[in-house]
């Protein structure tokens, strides 16, 4: 089981990078509506929810599979 740890850590690193990228995209200063706080907050919340729905369950199920179901 210990041999899977680097793979899991690499997947977690990818998820963290994706989260940071999502935040950077969500607060893009080149956008026309950047100064509109309501629009920016709405977009950031939407991107964060999409991230949570897509990547967090994948990471959790990866850990559960390799540590508990194998």
C-alpha atoms as a PDB file:
ATOM      1  CA  UNK A   1       0.000   0.000   0.000  1.00  0.00           C
ATOM      2  CA  UNK A   2       2.859   2.348   0.667  1.00  0.00           C
ATOM      3  CA  UNK A   3       3.830   2.296  -3.015  1.00  0.00           C
ATOM      4  CA  UNK A   4       0.618   4.151  -3.903  1.00  0.00           C
ATOM      5  CA  UNK A   5       1.387   7.085  -1.640  1.00  0.00           C
ATOM      6  CA  UNK A   6       3.372   9.043  -4.281  1.00  0.00           C
ATOM      7  CA  UNK A   7       0.515   8.652  -6.764  1.00  0.00           C
ATOM      8  CA  UNK A   8      -2.016   9.881  -4.231  1.00  0.00           C
ATOM      9  CA  UNK A   9       0.195  12.817  -3.285  1.00  0.00           C
ATOM     10  CA  UNK A  10       0.637  13.698  -6.966  1.00  0.00           C
ATOM     11  CA  UNK A  11      -3.158  13.609  -7.488  1.00  0.00           C
ATOM     12  CA  UNK A  12      -3.623  15.823  -4.435  1.00  0.00           C
ATOM     13  CA  UNK A  13      -1.043  18.264  -5.803  1.00  0.00           C
ATOM     14  CA  UNK A  14      -2.915  18.434  -9.112  1.00  0.00           C
ATOM     15  CA  UNK A  15      -6.144  19.178  -7.219  1.00  0.00           C
ATOM     16  CA  UNK A  16      -4.496  21.975  -5.247  1.00  0.00           C
ATOM     17  CA  UNK A  17      -3.049  23.497  -8.437  1.00  0.00           C
ATOM     18  CA  UNK A  18      -6.492  23.283 -10.046  1.00  0.00           C
ATOM     19  CA  UNK A  19      -8.021  25.064  -7.061  1.00  0.00           C
ATOM     20  CA  UNK A  20      -5.461  27.864  -7.214  1.00  0.00           C
ATOM     21  CA  UNK A  21      -5.986  28.185 -10.978  1.00  0.00           C
ATOM     22  CA  UNK A  22      -9.737  28.362 -10.450  1.00  0.00           C
ATOM     23  CA  UNK A  23      -9.338  31.167  -7.941  1.00  0.00           C
ATOM     24  CA  UNK A  24      -6.987  33.083 -10.245  1.00  0.00           C
ATOM     25  CA  UNK A  25      -9.409  32.714 -13.160  1.00  0.00           C
ATOM     26  CA  UNK A  26     -12.299  33.729 -10.913  1.00  0.00           C
ATOM     27  CA  UNK A  27     -10.662  37.017  -9.976  1.00  0.00           C
ATOM     28  CA  UNK A  28      -9.230  37.923 -13.383  1.00  0.00           C
ATOM     29  CA  UNK A  29      -8.230  41.617 -13.200  1.00  0.00           C
ATOM     30  CA  UNK A  30      -8.413  41.981 -16.992  1.00  0.00           C
ATOM     31  CA  UNK A  31     -12.180  41.471 -16.906  1.00  0.00           C
ATOM     32  CA  UNK A  32     -14.397  44.536 -17.522  1.00  0.00           C
ATOM     33  CA  UNK A  33     -16.534  43.731 -14.476  1.00  0.00           C
ATOM     34  CA  UNK A  34     -13.534  43.239 -12.193  1.00  0.00           C
ATOM     35  CA  UNK A  35     -14.455  46.219 -10.046  1.00  0.00           C
ATOM     36  CA  UNK A  36     -18.021  44.948  -9.686  1.00  0.00           C
ATOM     37  CA  UNK A  37     -17.681  43.038  -6.401  1.00  0.00           C
ATOM     38  CA  UNK A  38     -21.077  41.346  -6.685  1.00  0.00           C
ATOM     39  CA  UNK A  39     -20.308  39.918 -10.136  1.00  0.00           C
ATOM     40  CA  UNK A  40     -16.825  38.838  -9.085  1.00  0.00           C
ATOM     41  CA  UNK A  41     -18.084  37.130  -5.934  1.00  0.00           C
ATOM     42  CA  UNK A  42     -20.818  35.305  -7.864  1.00  0.00           C
ATOM     43  CA  UNK A  43     -18.299  34.041 -10.429  1.00  0.00           C
ATOM     44  CA  UNK A  44     -15.819  32.980  -7.748  1.00  0.00           C
ATOM     45  CA  UNK A  45     -18.517  31.073  -5.845  1.00  0.00           C
ATOM     46  CA  UNK A  46     -19.624  29.329  -9.046  1.00  0.00           C
ATOM     47  CA  UNK A  47     -16.087  28.286  -9.945  1.00  0.00           C
ATOM     48  CA  UNK A  48     -15.398  27.115  -6.398  1.00  0.00           C
ATOM     49  CA  UNK A  49     -18.577  25.015  -6.330  1.00  0.00           C
ATOM     50  CA  UNK A  50     -17.635  23.454  -9.661  1.00  0.00           C
ATOM     51  CA  UNK A  51     -14.205  22.632  -8.261  1.00  0.00           C
ATOM     52  CA  UNK A  52     -15.673  21.087  -5.129  1.00  0.00           C
ATOM     53  CA  UNK A  53     -18.140  18.998  -7.141  1.00  0.00           C
ATOM     54  CA  UNK A  54     -15.487  17.755  -9.577  1.00  0.00           C
ATOM     55  CA  UNK A  55     -12.193  17.333  -7.754  1.00  0.00           C
ATOM     56  CA  UNK A  56     -12.862  16.790  -4.068  1.00  0.00           C
ATOM     57  CA  UNK A  57     -14.964  13.618  -4.497  1.00  0.00           C
ATOM     58  CA  UNK A  58     -12.386  12.247  -6.940  1.00  0.00           C
ATOM     59  CA  UNK A  59      -9.617  12.751  -4.419  1.00  0.00           C
ATOM     60  CA  UNK A  60     -11.652  11.285  -1.562  1.00  0.00           C
ATOM     61  CA  UNK A  61     -12.638   8.208  -3.559  1.00  0.00           C
ATOM     62  CA  UNK A  62      -9.037   7.704  -4.663  1.00  0.00           C
ATOM     63  CA  UNK A  63      -7.877   7.643  -1.052  1.00  0.00           C
ATOM     64  CA  UNK A  64     -10.771   5.418   0.042  1.00  0.00           C
ATOM     65  CA  UNK A  65     -10.112   2.972  -2.783  1.00  0.00           C
ATOM     66  CA  UNK A  66      -6.378   2.616  -2.256  1.00  0.00           C
ATOM     67  CA  UNK A  67      -6.454   2.465   1.519  1.00  0.00           C
ATOM     68  CA  UNK A  68      -9.713   0.718   2.379  1.00  0.00           C
ATOM     69  CA  UNK A  69     -11.085  -1.228  -0.587  1.00  0.00           C
ATOM     70  CA  UNK A  70      -7.949  -2.947  -1.904  1.00  0.00           C
END
